[in-house]
Every structure is written in structure tokens, then in C-alpha cells.
Amino acid sequence: MFKLNFRKSIYHLFQQKPFSLGTLGQILNEPLLTITNNLEPFLLKKGYLLKTPRGRMLTSKAIQFLKNLT
């Protein structure tokens, strides 16, 4: 699903900042519905994503995983 360059982009852009699903969809070039129905539930279940009042954030688990790719 993810290509390596997308993973690196997500790491560099969002490692400590909240982001919207719309922004994520634009970076991945995926429709918001696809992100909401498929990607977000997977990332939440695996512990890579948190929902916060300010938006979504990568967890430390996700940051460590993505850091190992760069």
C-alpha cells in the first residue's frame, strides 16, 4: 500500500505534529474515503496512529518504524 518515499515523507512532515486526514490523503494521492475506511482503521489497530482533538498524530511506534527506513 505505502511506497517507501511516502513513508519517508510522512515521517519527515508529521513526526511531531498533528495532521488532518485530508492532508494525508493529498500526500498519498488517495481519496479521503479510502483513508477513512481502510488506512486509518489499520493504522489505529496497529498502534501507529492516534486521534487527538487537533488531528491525527503518529505514535512513537510509528516514528521509530519510519525512522528505521530513512
C-alpha atoms as a PDB file:
ATOM      1  CA  MET A   1       0.000   0.000   0.000  1.00  0.00           C
ATOM      2  CA  PHE A   2       2.635   2.521   1.035  1.00  0.00           C
ATOM      3  CA  LYS A   3       5.623   3.161  -1.129  1.00  0.00           C
ATOM      4  CA  LEU A   4       8.898   3.877   0.601  1.00  0.00           C
ATOM      5  CA  ASN A   5       9.011   7.536  -0.478  1.00  0.00           C
ATOM      6  CA  PHE A   6       5.536   8.116   1.002  1.00  0.00           C
ATOM      7  CA  ARG A   7       6.648   6.607   4.288  1.00  0.00           C
ATOM      8  CA  LYS A   8       9.685   8.853   4.397  1.00  0.00           C
ATOM      9  CA  SER A   9       7.571  11.902   3.535  1.00  0.00           C
ATOM     10  CA  ILE A  10       5.104  11.124   6.303  1.00  0.00           C
ATOM     11  CA  TYR A  11       7.931  10.703   8.793  1.00  0.00           C
ATOM     12  CA  HIS A  12       9.616  13.980   7.891  1.00  0.00           C
ATOM     13  CA  LEU A  13       6.393  16.008   7.730  1.00  0.00           C
ATOM     14  CA  PHE A  14       4.428  14.628  10.657  1.00  0.00           C
ATOM     15  CA  GLN A  15       6.797  13.152  13.214  1.00  0.00           C
ATOM     16  CA  GLN A  16       5.760  15.591  15.977  1.00  0.00           C
ATOM     17  CA  LYS A  17       2.763  17.464  14.548  1.00  0.00           C
ATOM     18  CA  PRO A  18      -0.941  16.682  14.268  1.00  0.00           C
ATOM     19  CA  PHE A  19      -2.320  16.400  10.740  1.00  0.00           C
ATOM     20  CA  SER A  20      -5.693  16.003   9.078  1.00  0.00           C
ATOM     21  CA  LEU A  21      -6.788  13.005   7.067  1.00  0.00           C
ATOM     22  CA  GLY A  22      -7.283  15.372   4.141  1.00  0.00           C
ATOM     23  CA  THR A  23      -3.615  16.319   4.266  1.00  0.00           C
ATOM     24  CA  LEU A  24      -2.615  12.672   4.468  1.00  0.00           C
ATOM     25  CA  GLY A  25      -4.860  11.879   1.509  1.00  0.00           C
ATOM     26  CA  GLN A  26      -3.230  14.613  -0.558  1.00  0.00           C
ATOM     27  CA  ILE A  27       0.265  13.338   0.203  1.00  0.00           C
ATOM     28  CA  LEU A  28      -0.692   9.741  -0.571  1.00  0.00           C
ATOM     29  CA  ASN A  29      -2.856  10.779  -3.524  1.00  0.00           C
ATOM     30  CA  GLU A  30      -5.726   8.715  -2.114  1.00  0.00           C
ATOM     31  CA  PRO A  31      -9.377   9.713  -1.694  1.00  0.00           C
ATOM     32  CA  LEU A  32     -10.452  10.694   1.823  1.00  0.00           C
ATOM     33  CA  LEU A  33     -12.955   7.824   1.849  1.00  0.00           C
ATOM     34  CA  THR A  34     -10.154   5.313   1.204  1.00  0.00           C
ATOM     35  CA  ILE A  35      -8.081   6.815   4.009  1.00  0.00           C
ATOM     36  CA  THR A  36     -11.051   6.826   6.407  1.00  0.00           C
ATOM     37  CA  ASN A  37     -12.349   3.341   5.594  1.00  0.00           C
ATOM     38  CA  ASN A  38      -9.143   1.410   5.000  1.00  0.00           C
ATOM     39  CA  LEU A  39      -5.926   3.064   6.061  1.00  0.00           C
ATOM     40  CA  GLU A  40      -6.894   4.845   9.283  1.00  0.00           C
ATOM     41  CA  PRO A  41      -8.501   1.798  10.981  1.00  0.00           C
ATOM     42  CA  PHE A  42      -5.448  -0.313  10.118  1.00  0.00           C
ATOM     43  CA  LEU A  43      -3.003   2.275  11.485  1.00  0.00           C
ATOM     44  CA  LEU A  44      -5.083   2.754  14.659  1.00  0.00           C
ATOM     45  CA  LYS A  45      -5.305  -1.000  15.254  1.00  0.00           C
ATOM     46  CA  LYS A  46      -1.556  -1.480  14.762  1.00  0.00           C
ATOM     47  CA  GLY A  47      -0.772   1.371  17.153  1.00  0.00           C
ATOM     48  CA  TYR A  48       0.801   3.661  14.563  1.00  0.00           C
ATOM     49  CA  LEU A  49      -1.776   6.449  14.725  1.00  0.00           C
ATOM     50  CA  LEU A  50      -3.560   8.416  17.459  1.00  0.00           C
ATOM     51  CA  LYS A  51      -6.679  10.538  17.158  1.00  0.00           C
ATOM     52  CA  THR A  52      -6.324  13.806  19.061  1.00  0.00           C
ATOM     53  CA  PRO A  53      -8.531  16.914  19.302  1.00  0.00           C
ATOM     54  CA  ARG A  54      -6.064  18.688  16.973  1.00  0.00           C
ATOM     55  CA  GLY A  55      -5.910  15.905  14.368  1.00  0.00           C
ATOM     56  CA  ARG A  56      -4.101  12.626  13.873  1.00  0.00           C
ATOM     57  CA  MET A  57      -0.583  12.041  15.150  1.00  0.00           C
ATOM     58  CA  LEU A  58       1.998   9.369  14.582  1.00  0.00           C
ATOM     59  CA  THR A  59       2.775   7.320  17.676  1.00  0.00           C
ATOM     60  CA  SER A  60       6.307   6.745  18.912  1.00  0.00           C
ATOM     61  CA  LYS A  61       5.983   3.230  17.479  1.00  0.00           C
ATOM     62  CA  ALA A  62       5.269   4.676  14.023  1.00  0.00           C
ATOM     63  CA  ILE A  63       8.065   7.224  14.296  1.00  0.00           C
ATOM     64  CA  GLN A  64      10.562   4.511  15.241  1.00  0.00           C
ATOM     65  CA  PHE A  65       9.415   2.316  12.351  1.00  0.00           C
ATOM     66  CA  LEU A  66       9.668   5.162   9.840  1.00  0.00           C
ATOM     67  CA  LYS A  67      12.982   6.368  11.257  1.00  0.00           C
ATOM     68  CA  ASN A  68      14.479   2.963  10.512  1.00  0.00           C
ATOM     69  CA  LEU A  69      13.564   3.404   6.834  1.00  0.00           C
ATOM     70  CA  THR A  70      15.460   6.665   6.393  1.00  0.00           C
END
